[in-house]
């Protein structure tokens, strides 16, 4: 698969998303998909996710996050752009 078949999604989750294991669930779910990137808490109480991978893998990963964590999320802001290719794994950033 070429780099052109990959995309990046940047997502901000708002709600009761800190202190509930959100980042650890996301990291665990990422291991099931062909994705790279990171998840981190923001000082304003949101969670910031940047994920790259084949569009279908990214869609399935985000659906899995929604299935697991929807009860904590009240708002999602998402931006899609071409993959930058800067990530080699998926990690929690602090």
C-alpha atoms as a PDB file:
ATOM      1  CA  UNK A   1       0.000   0.000   0.000  1.00  0.00           C
ATOM      2  CA  UNK A   2       1.404   3.377  -0.921  1.00  0.00           C
ATOM      3  CA  UNK A   3       1.513   6.410   1.330  1.00  0.00           C
ATOM      4  CA  UNK A   4      -1.199   7.970  -0.874  1.00  0.00           C
ATOM      5  CA  UNK A   5      -3.700   5.333   0.269  1.00  0.00           C
ATOM      6  CA  UNK A   6      -3.261   6.392   3.881  1.00  0.00           C
ATOM      7  CA  UNK A   7      -4.926   9.250   5.679  1.00  0.00           C
ATOM      8  CA  UNK A   8      -4.614  11.111   8.934  1.00  0.00           C
ATOM      9  CA  UNK A   9      -7.463  11.990  11.252  1.00  0.00           C
ATOM     10  CA  UNK A  10      -7.100  14.475  14.043  1.00  0.00           C
ATOM     11  CA  UNK A  11      -9.878  14.199  16.601  1.00  0.00           C
ATOM     12  CA  UNK A  12     -10.772  16.085  19.750  1.00  0.00           C
ATOM     13  CA  UNK A  13     -13.093  14.274  22.139  1.00  0.00           C
ATOM     14  CA  UNK A  14     -14.970  16.340  24.745  1.00  0.00           C
ATOM     15  CA  UNK A  15     -17.084  15.178  27.652  1.00  0.00           C
ATOM     16  CA  UNK A  16     -16.111  13.073  30.666  1.00  0.00           C
ATOM     17  CA  UNK A  17     -13.101  11.726  28.798  1.00  0.00           C
ATOM     18  CA  UNK A  18     -10.313  12.207  31.339  1.00  0.00           C
ATOM     19  CA  UNK A  19      -9.886   9.999  34.395  1.00  0.00           C
ATOM     20  CA  UNK A  20     -11.890   7.134  32.874  1.00  0.00           C
ATOM     21  CA  UNK A  21      -9.086   5.208  31.136  1.00  0.00           C
ATOM     22  CA  UNK A  22      -9.902   6.718  27.735  1.00  0.00           C
ATOM     23  CA  UNK A  23      -6.297   6.897  26.521  1.00  0.00           C
ATOM     24  CA  UNK A  24      -5.532   3.348  27.648  1.00  0.00           C
ATOM     25  CA  UNK A  25      -8.620   1.934  25.949  1.00  0.00           C
ATOM     26  CA  UNK A  26      -7.681   3.804  22.750  1.00  0.00           C
ATOM     27  CA  UNK A  27      -4.110   2.472  22.869  1.00  0.00           C
ATOM     28  CA  UNK A  28      -5.385  -1.067  23.446  1.00  0.00           C
ATOM     29  CA  UNK A  29      -7.831  -0.799  20.543  1.00  0.00           C
ATOM     30  CA  UNK A  30      -5.123   0.606  18.251  1.00  0.00           C
ATOM     31  CA  UNK A  31      -3.203  -2.666  18.564  1.00  0.00           C
ATOM     32  CA  UNK A  32      -6.032  -4.420  16.684  1.00  0.00           C
ATOM     33  CA  UNK A  33      -5.751  -2.177  13.620  1.00  0.00           C
ATOM     34  CA  UNK A  34      -3.132  -1.094  11.078  1.00  0.00           C
ATOM     35  CA  UNK A  35      -2.839   2.399  12.552  1.00  0.00           C
ATOM     36  CA  UNK A  36      -0.164   4.645  14.039  1.00  0.00           C
ATOM     37  CA  UNK A  37      -0.309   7.907  15.951  1.00  0.00           C
ATOM     38  CA  UNK A  38      -0.940   9.085  19.489  1.00  0.00           C
ATOM     39  CA  UNK A  39      -3.541   9.988  22.081  1.00  0.00           C
ATOM     40  CA  UNK A  40      -3.111  12.518  24.902  1.00  0.00           C
ATOM     41  CA  UNK A  41      -5.058  14.519  27.444  1.00  0.00           C
ATOM     42  CA  UNK A  42      -5.339  18.266  26.929  1.00  0.00           C
ATOM     43  CA  UNK A  43      -5.329  20.838  29.737  1.00  0.00           C
ATOM     44  CA  UNK A  44      -8.896  21.914  28.812  1.00  0.00           C
ATOM     45  CA  UNK A  45     -10.301  18.468  29.661  1.00  0.00           C
ATOM     46  CA  UNK A  46     -10.505  17.096  26.106  1.00  0.00           C
ATOM     47  CA  UNK A  47      -8.645  14.118  24.644  1.00  0.00           C
ATOM     48  CA  UNK A  48      -6.604  14.683  21.458  1.00  0.00           C
ATOM     49  CA  UNK A  49      -6.160  11.777  19.029  1.00  0.00           C
ATOM     50  CA  UNK A  50      -4.054  11.750  15.866  1.00  0.00           C
ATOM     51  CA  UNK A  51      -4.260   8.528  13.883  1.00  0.00           C
ATOM     52  CA  UNK A  52      -2.853   7.493  10.515  1.00  0.00           C
ATOM     53  CA  UNK A  53      -3.495   4.422   8.430  1.00  0.00           C
ATOM     54  CA  UNK A  54      -5.499   3.063   5.519  1.00  0.00           C
ATOM     55  CA  UNK A  55      -8.892   4.803   5.458  1.00  0.00           C
ATOM     56  CA  UNK A  56     -10.808   1.578   6.196  1.00  0.00           C
ATOM     57  CA  UNK A  57      -8.567   0.733   9.155  1.00  0.00           C
ATOM     58  CA  UNK A  58      -8.942   4.251  10.553  1.00  0.00           C
ATOM     59  CA  UNK A  59     -12.738   4.063  10.151  1.00  0.00           C
ATOM     60  CA  UNK A  60     -12.885   0.692  11.913  1.00  0.00           C
ATOM     61  CA  UNK A  61     -10.590   1.922  14.707  1.00  0.00           C
ATOM     62  CA  UNK A  62     -12.727   5.015  15.295  1.00  0.00           C
ATOM     63  CA  UNK A  63     -15.880   2.878  15.281  1.00  0.00           C
ATOM     64  CA  UNK A  64     -14.302   0.651  17.943  1.00  0.00           C
ATOM     65  CA  UNK A  65     -13.491   3.709  20.084  1.00  0.00           C
ATOM     66  CA  UNK A  66     -17.074   4.898  19.710  1.00  0.00           C
ATOM     67  CA  UNK A  67     -18.445   1.481  20.692  1.00  0.00           C
ATOM     68  CA  UNK A  68     -16.277   1.357  23.834  1.00  0.00           C
ATOM     69  CA  UNK A  69     -16.286   4.969  24.990  1.00  0.00           C
ATOM     70  CA  UNK A  70     -19.461   6.641  23.633  1.00  0.00           C
ATOM     71  CA  UNK A  71     -20.984   7.041  27.099  1.00  0.00           C
ATOM     72  CA  UNK A  72     -18.129   9.410  28.065  1.00  0.00           C
ATOM     73  CA  UNK A  73     -18.128  11.496  24.875  1.00  0.00           C
ATOM     74  CA  UNK A  74     -20.417  14.481  24.376  1.00  0.00           C
ATOM     75  CA  UNK A  75     -18.705  16.090  21.362  1.00  0.00           C
ATOM     76  CA  UNK A  76     -16.279  15.002  18.635  1.00  0.00           C
ATOM     77  CA  UNK A  77     -14.426  17.354  16.287  1.00  0.00           C
ATOM     78  CA  UNK A  78     -12.659  15.589  13.427  1.00  0.00           C
ATOM     79  CA  UNK A  79     -10.311  16.742  10.663  1.00  0.00           C
ATOM     80  CA  UNK A  80      -9.119  14.506   7.810  1.00  0.00           C
ATOM     81  CA  UNK A  81      -5.939  15.117   5.833  1.00  0.00           C
ATOM     82  CA  UNK A  82      -3.336  13.081   3.908  1.00  0.00           C
ATOM     83  CA  UNK A  83      -1.058  10.974   6.111  1.00  0.00           C
ATOM     84  CA  UNK A  84       2.196  12.664   7.083  1.00  0.00           C
ATOM     85  CA  UNK A  85       4.021   9.381   7.702  1.00  0.00           C
ATOM     86  CA  UNK A  86       5.633  10.667  10.917  1.00  0.00           C
ATOM     87  CA  UNK A  87       4.423   7.875  13.201  1.00  0.00           C
ATOM     88  CA  UNK A  88       5.842   4.380  13.526  1.00  0.00           C
ATOM     89  CA  UNK A  89       3.651   3.080  16.365  1.00  0.00           C
ATOM     90  CA  UNK A  90       0.646   4.124  18.418  1.00  0.00           C
ATOM     91  CA  UNK A  91       1.387   5.679  21.801  1.00  0.00           C
ATOM     92  CA  UNK A  92       0.024   7.623  24.710  1.00  0.00           C
ATOM     93  CA  UNK A  93       1.691  11.005  24.989  1.00  0.00           C
ATOM     94  CA  UNK A  94       1.913  12.977  28.205  1.00  0.00           C
END
